[in-house]
PDB file of N, CA and C in Angstrom:
ATOM      1  N   UNK A   1     124.647 140.242 123.757  1.00  0.00           N
ATOM      2  CA  UNK A   1     125.933 140.195 123.059  1.00  0.00           C
ATOM      3  C   UNK A   1     127.007 139.792 124.061  1.00  0.00           C
ATOM      4  N   UNK A   2     127.889 138.852 123.715  1.00  0.00           N
ATOM      5  CA  UNK A   2     128.936 138.418 124.630  1.00  0.00           C
ATOM      6  C   UNK A   2     129.918 139.535 124.941  1.00  0.00           C
ATOM      7  N   UNK A   3     130.448 139.498 126.139  1.00  0.00           N
ATOM      8  CA  UNK A   3     131.450 140.487 126.538  1.00  0.00           C
ATOM      9  C   UNK A   3     132.825 140.054 126.053  1.00  0.00           C
ATOM     10  N   UNK A   4     133.744 140.984 126.006  1.00  0.00           N
ATOM     11  CA  UNK A   4     135.127 140.660 125.675  1.00  0.00           C
ATOM     12  C   UNK A   4     135.426 140.754 124.197  1.00  0.00           C
ATOM     13  N   UNK A   5     136.691 140.583 123.896  1.00  0.00           N
ATOM     14  CA  UNK A   5     137.195 140.738 122.538  1.00  0.00           C
ATOM     15  C   UNK A   5     136.617 139.705 121.577  1.00  0.00           C
ATOM     16  N   UNK A   6     136.427 138.473 122.032  1.00  0.00           N
ATOM     17  CA  UNK A   6     135.967 137.405 121.150  1.00  0.00           C
ATOM     18  C   UNK A   6     134.523 137.611 120.715  1.00  0.00           C
ATOM     19  N   UNK A   7     133.737 138.311 121.508  1.00  0.00           N
ATOM     20  CA  UNK A   7     132.328 138.496 121.202  1.00  0.00           C
ATOM     21  C   UNK A   7     132.038 139.526 120.133  1.00  0.00           C
ATOM     22  N   UNK A   8     133.026 140.202 119.631  1.00  0.00           N
ATOM     23  CA  UNK A   8     132.826 141.262 118.650  1.00  0.00           C
ATOM     24  C   UNK A   8     133.512 140.905 117.344  1.00  0.00           C
ATOM     25  N   UNK A   9     132.948 141.341 116.251  1.00  0.00           N
ATOM     26  CA  UNK A   9     133.514 141.026 114.927  1.00  0.00           C
ATOM     27  C   UNK A   9     134.952 141.517 114.809  1.00  0.00           C
ATOM     28  N   UNK A  10     135.225 142.738 115.255  1.00  0.00           N
ATOM     29  CA  UNK A  10     136.590 143.267 115.173  1.00  0.00           C
ATOM     30  C   UNK A  10     137.543 142.437 116.026  1.00  0.00           C
ATOM     31  N   UNK A  11     137.094 142.014 117.174  1.00  0.00           N
ATOM     32  CA  UNK A  11     137.929 141.188 118.044  1.00  0.00           C
ATOM     33  C   UNK A  11     138.245 139.854 117.410  1.00  0.00           C
ATOM     34  N   UNK A  12     137.257 139.245 116.772  1.00  0.00           N
ATOM     35  CA  UNK A  12     137.500 137.970 116.092  1.00  0.00           C
ATOM     36  C   UNK A  12     138.505 138.154 114.958  1.00  0.00           C
ATOM     37  N   UNK A  13     138.404 139.262 114.245  1.00  0.00           N
ATOM     38  CA  UNK A  13     139.341 139.549 113.164  1.00  0.00           C
ATOM     39  C   UNK A  13     140.763 139.666 113.709  1.00  0.00           C
ATOM     40  N   UNK A  14     140.928 140.425 114.771  1.00  0.00           N
ATOM     41  CA  UNK A  14     142.256 140.620 115.352  1.00  0.00           C
ATOM     42  C   UNK A  14     142.822 139.308 115.876  1.00  0.00           C
ATOM     43  N   UNK A  15     142.023 138.524 116.550  1.00  0.00           N
ATOM     44  CA  UNK A  15     142.505 137.275 117.135  1.00  0.00           C
ATOM     45  C   UNK A  15     142.871 136.241 116.072  1.00  0.00           C
ATOM     46  N   UNK A  16     142.277 136.322 114.889  1.00  0.00           N
ATOM     47  CA  UNK A  16     142.545 135.344 113.838  1.00  0.00           C
ATOM     48  C   UNK A  16     143.528 135.846 112.783  1.00  0.00           C
ATOM     49  N   UNK A  17     144.001 137.067 112.906  1.00  0.00           N
ATOM     50  CA  UNK A  17     144.923 137.636 111.926  1.00  0.00           C
ATOM     51  C   UNK A  17     146.347 137.162 112.197  1.00  0.00           C
ATOM     52  N   UNK A  18     147.158 137.144 111.159  1.00  0.00           N
ATOM     53  CA  UNK A  18     148.587 136.887 111.305  1.00  0.00           C
ATOM     54  C   UNK A  18     149.340 137.815 110.354  1.00  0.00           C
ATOM     55  N   UNK A  19     150.655 137.689 110.290  1.00  0.00           N
ATOM     56  CA  UNK A  19     151.445 138.622 109.492  1.00  0.00           C
ATOM     57  C   UNK A  19     151.113 138.582 108.004  1.00  0.00           C
ATOM     58  N   UNK A  20     150.563 137.473 107.525  1.00  0.00           N
ATOM     59  CA  UNK A  20     150.212 137.409 106.109  1.00  0.00           C
ATOM     60  C   UNK A  20     149.031 138.328 105.781  1.00  0.00           C
ATOM     61  N   UNK A  21     148.323 138.784 106.781  1.00  0.00           N
ATOM     62  CA  UNK A  21     147.178 139.678 106.579  1.00  0.00           C
ATOM     63  C   UNK A  21     147.607 141.141 106.416  1.00  0.00           C
ATOM     64  N   UNK A  22     148.890 141.433 106.646  1.00  0.00           N
ATOM     65  CA  UNK A  22     149.380 142.815 106.603  1.00  0.00           C
ATOM     66  C   UNK A  22     150.114 143.050 105.298  1.00  0.00           C
ATOM     67  N   UNK A  23     149.584 143.952 104.485  1.00  0.00           N
ATOM     68  CA  UNK A  23     150.211 144.287 103.213  1.00  0.00           C
ATOM     69  C   UNK A  23     151.075 145.531 103.342  1.00  0.00           C
ATOM     70  N   UNK A  24     150.552 146.563 104.016  1.00  0.00           N
ATOM     71  CA  UNK A  24     151.236 147.850 104.111  1.00  0.00           C
ATOM     72  C   UNK A  24     151.206 148.352 105.546  1.00  0.00           C
ATOM     73  N   UNK A  25     152.357 148.875 106.002  1.00  0.00           N
ATOM     74  CA  UNK A  25     152.457 149.484 107.330  1.00  0.00           C
ATOM     75  C   UNK A  25     153.042 150.870 107.151  1.00  0.00           C
ATOM     76  N   UNK A  26     152.373 151.871 107.720  1.00  0.00           N
ATOM     77  CA  UNK A  26     152.876 153.239 107.690  1.00  0.00           C
ATOM     78  C   UNK A  26     153.289 153.643 109.098  1.00  0.00           C
ATOM     79  N   UNK A  27     154.484 154.222 109.225  1.00  0.00           N
ATOM     80  CA  UNK A  27     154.984 154.714 110.512  1.00  0.00           C
ATOM     81  C   UNK A  27     155.346 156.177 110.311  1.00  0.00           C
ATOM     82  N   UNK A  28     154.678 157.034 111.046  1.00  0.00           N
ATOM     83  CA  UNK A  28     154.902 158.482 110.944  1.00  0.00           C
ATOM     84  C   UNK A  28     154.808 158.946 109.492  1.00  0.00           C
ATOM     85  N   UNK A  29     153.859 158.383 108.748  1.00  0.00           N
ATOM     86  CA  UNK A  29     153.629 158.789 107.380  1.00  0.00           C
ATOM     87  C   UNK A  29     154.548 158.149 106.351  1.00  0.00           C
ATOM     88  N   UNK A  30     155.508 157.342 106.803  1.00  0.00           N
ATOM     89  CA  UNK A  30     156.427 156.659 105.890  1.00  0.00           C
ATOM     90  C   UNK A  30     156.080 155.190 105.796  1.00  0.00           C
ATOM     91  N   UNK A  31     156.187 154.632 104.602  1.00  0.00           N
ATOM     92  CA  UNK A  31     155.933 153.205 104.438  1.00  0.00           C
ATOM     93  C   UNK A  31     157.077 152.419 105.075  1.00  0.00           C
ATOM     94  N   UNK A  32     156.728 151.514 105.999  1.00  0.00           N
ATOM     95  CA  UNK A  32     157.713 150.621 106.607  1.00  0.00           C
ATOM     96  C   UNK A  32     157.595 149.230 105.984  1.00  0.00           C
ATOM     97  N   UNK A  33     156.444 148.941 105.431  1.00  0.00           N
ATOM     98  CA  UNK A  33     156.203 147.666 104.752  1.00  0.00           C
ATOM     99  C   UNK A  33     155.246 147.952 103.597  1.00  0.00           C
ATOM    100  N   UNK A  34     155.584 147.440 102.426  1.00  0.00           N
ATOM    101  CA  UNK A  34     154.727 147.632 101.250  1.00  0.00           C
ATOM    102  C   UNK A  34     154.715 146.324 100.468  1.00  0.00           C
ATOM    103  N   UNK A  35     153.537 145.909 100.053  1.00  0.00           N
ATOM    104  CA  UNK A  35     153.369 144.658  99.305  1.00  0.00           C
ATOM    105  C   UNK A  35     153.958 143.483 100.070  1.00  0.00           C
ATOM    106  N   UNK A  36     153.863 143.541 101.400  1.00  0.00           N
ATOM    107  CA  UNK A  36     154.325 142.452 102.242  1.00  0.00           C
ATOM    108  C   UNK A  36     155.816 142.423 102.492  1.00  0.00           C
ATOM    109  N   UNK A  37     156.555 143.376 101.957  1.00  0.00           N
ATOM    110  CA  UNK A  37     158.009 143.412 102.122  1.00  0.00           C
ATOM    111  C   UNK A  37     158.410 144.552 103.060  1.00  0.00           C
ATOM    112  N   UNK A  38     159.328 144.258 103.984  1.00  0.00           N
ATOM    113  CA  UNK A  38     159.849 145.274 104.893  1.00  0.00           C
ATOM    114  C   UNK A  38     160.786 146.181 104.103  1.00  0.00           C
ATOM    115  N   UNK A  39     160.627 147.481 104.281  1.00  0.00           N
ATOM    116  CA  UNK A  39     161.435 148.470 103.573  1.00  0.00           C
ATOM    117  C   UNK A  39     162.414 149.158 104.524  1.00  0.00           C
ATOM    118  N   UNK A  40     163.525 149.604 104.010  1.00  0.00           N
ATOM    119  CA  UNK A  40     164.464 150.467 104.736  1.00  0.00           C
ATOM    120  C   UNK A  40     165.106 149.804 105.954  1.00  0.00           C
ATOM    121  N   UNK A  41     165.092 148.496 106.049  1.00  0.00           N
ATOM    122  CA  UNK A  41     165.696 147.829 107.196  1.00  0.00           C
ATOM    123  C   UNK A  41     166.387 146.558 106.740  1.00  0.00           C
ATOM    124  N   UNK A  42     167.496 146.260 107.388  1.00  0.00           N
ATOM    125  CA  UNK A  42     168.145 144.973 107.197  1.00  0.00           C
ATOM    126  C   UNK A  42     167.470 144.026 108.178  1.00  0.00           C
ATOM    127  N   UNK A  43     166.631 143.135 107.665  1.00  0.00           N
ATOM    128  CA  UNK A  43     165.784 142.280 108.497  1.00  0.00           C
ATOM    129  C   UNK A  43     166.618 141.458 109.475  1.00  0.00           C
ATOM    130  N   UNK A  44     167.730 140.887 109.043  1.00  0.00           N
ATOM    131  CA  UNK A  44     168.564 140.062 109.929  1.00  0.00           C
ATOM    132  C   UNK A  44     169.076 140.872 111.115  1.00  0.00           C
ATOM    133  N   UNK A  45     169.436 142.127 110.896  1.00  0.00           N
ATOM    134  CA  UNK A  45     169.914 142.989 111.979  1.00  0.00           C
ATOM    135  C   UNK A  45     168.799 143.283 112.969  1.00  0.00           C
ATOM    136  N   UNK A  46     167.616 143.563 112.472  1.00  0.00           N
ATOM    137  CA  UNK A  46     166.468 143.842 113.339  1.00  0.00           C
ATOM    138  C   UNK A  46     166.097 142.606 114.155  1.00  0.00           C
ATOM    139  N   UNK A  47     166.087 141.440 113.527  1.00  0.00           N
ATOM    140  CA  UNK A  47     165.753 140.199 114.232  1.00  0.00           C
ATOM    141  C   UNK A  47     166.780 139.925 115.328  1.00  0.00           C
ATOM    142  N   UNK A  48     168.057 140.146 115.051  1.00  0.00           N
ATOM    143  CA  UNK A  48     169.098 139.946 116.057  1.00  0.00           C
ATOM    144  C   UNK A  48     168.915 140.910 117.230  1.00  0.00           C
ATOM    145  N   UNK A  49     168.577 142.156 116.945  1.00  0.00           N
ATOM    146  CA  UNK A  49     168.347 143.131 118.016  1.00  0.00           C
ATOM    147  C   UNK A  49     167.137 142.746 118.859  1.00  0.00           C
ATOM    148  N   UNK A  50     166.085 142.242 118.216  1.00  0.00           N
ATOM    149  CA  UNK A  50     164.901 141.794 118.957  1.00  0.00           C
ATOM    150  C   UNK A  50     165.226 140.593 119.833  1.00  0.00           C
ATOM    151  N   UNK A  51     166.031 139.681 119.337  1.00  0.00           N
ATOM    152  CA  UNK A  51     166.435 138.517 120.130  1.00  0.00           C
ATOM    153  C   UNK A  51     167.238 138.941 121.342  1.00  0.00           C
ATOM    154  N   UNK A  52     168.159 139.894 121.159  1.00  0.00           N
ATOM    155  CA  UNK A  52     168.942 140.416 122.284  1.00  0.00           C
ATOM    156  C   UNK A  52     168.032 141.073 123.316  1.00  0.00           C
ATOM    157  N   UNK A  53     167.065 141.826 122.846  1.00  0.00           N
ATOM    158  CA  UNK A  53     166.115 142.485 123.734  1.00  0.00           C
ATOM    159  C   UNK A  53     165.295 141.460 124.501  1.00  0.00           C
ATOM    160  N   UNK A  54     164.820 140.417 123.827  1.00  0.00           N
ATOM    161  CA  UNK A  54     164.027 139.372 124.481  1.00  0.00           C
ATOM    162  C   UNK A  54     164.852 138.669 125.557  1.00  0.00           C
ATOM    163  N   UNK A  55     166.128 138.377 125.270  1.00  0.00           N
ATOM    164  CA  UNK A  55     166.992 137.743 126.276  1.00  0.00           C
ATOM    165  C   UNK A  55     167.165 138.643 127.497  1.00  0.00           C
ATOM    166  N   UNK A  56     167.313 139.952 127.274  1.00  0.00           N
ATOM    167  CA  UNK A  56     167.471 140.885 128.387  1.00  0.00           C
ATOM    168  C   UNK A  56     166.214 140.936 129.247  1.00  0.00           C
ATOM    169  N   UNK A  57     165.042 140.900 128.623  1.00  0.00           N
ATOM    170  CA  UNK A  57     163.779 140.930 129.365  1.00  0.00           C
ATOM    171  C   UNK A  57     163.634 139.666 130.193  1.00  0.00           C
ATOM    172  N   UNK A  58     163.942 138.512 129.607  1.00  0.00           N
ATOM    173  CA  UNK A  58     163.818 137.243 130.316  1.00  0.00           C
ATOM    174  C   UNK A  58     164.799 137.168 131.478  1.00  0.00           C
ATOM    175  N   UNK A  59     165.989 137.727 131.291  1.00  0.00           N
ATOM    176  CA  UNK A  59     167.015 137.701 132.341  1.00  0.00           C
ATOM    177  C   UNK A  59     166.711 138.649 133.495  1.00  0.00           C
ATOM    178  N   UNK A  60     165.874 139.635 133.259  1.00  0.00           N
ATOM    179  CA  UNK A  60     165.577 140.666 134.289  1.00  0.00           C
ATOM    180  C   UNK A  60     164.718 140.107 135.405  1.00  0.00           C
TER     181      UNK A  60
END
């Protein structure tokens, strides 16, 4: 059997998955995403915060 992530069925699944494969996400028992839609968050605000964070990491 090949070594590494690619040699295993679960690894192949993870490497070939994308966001369209995620229907529901639970965080601390609460639904954060259901039926492919993000819940309880203003997506534009979260994306802006992530962009700011990415710029800070790159600048460091």
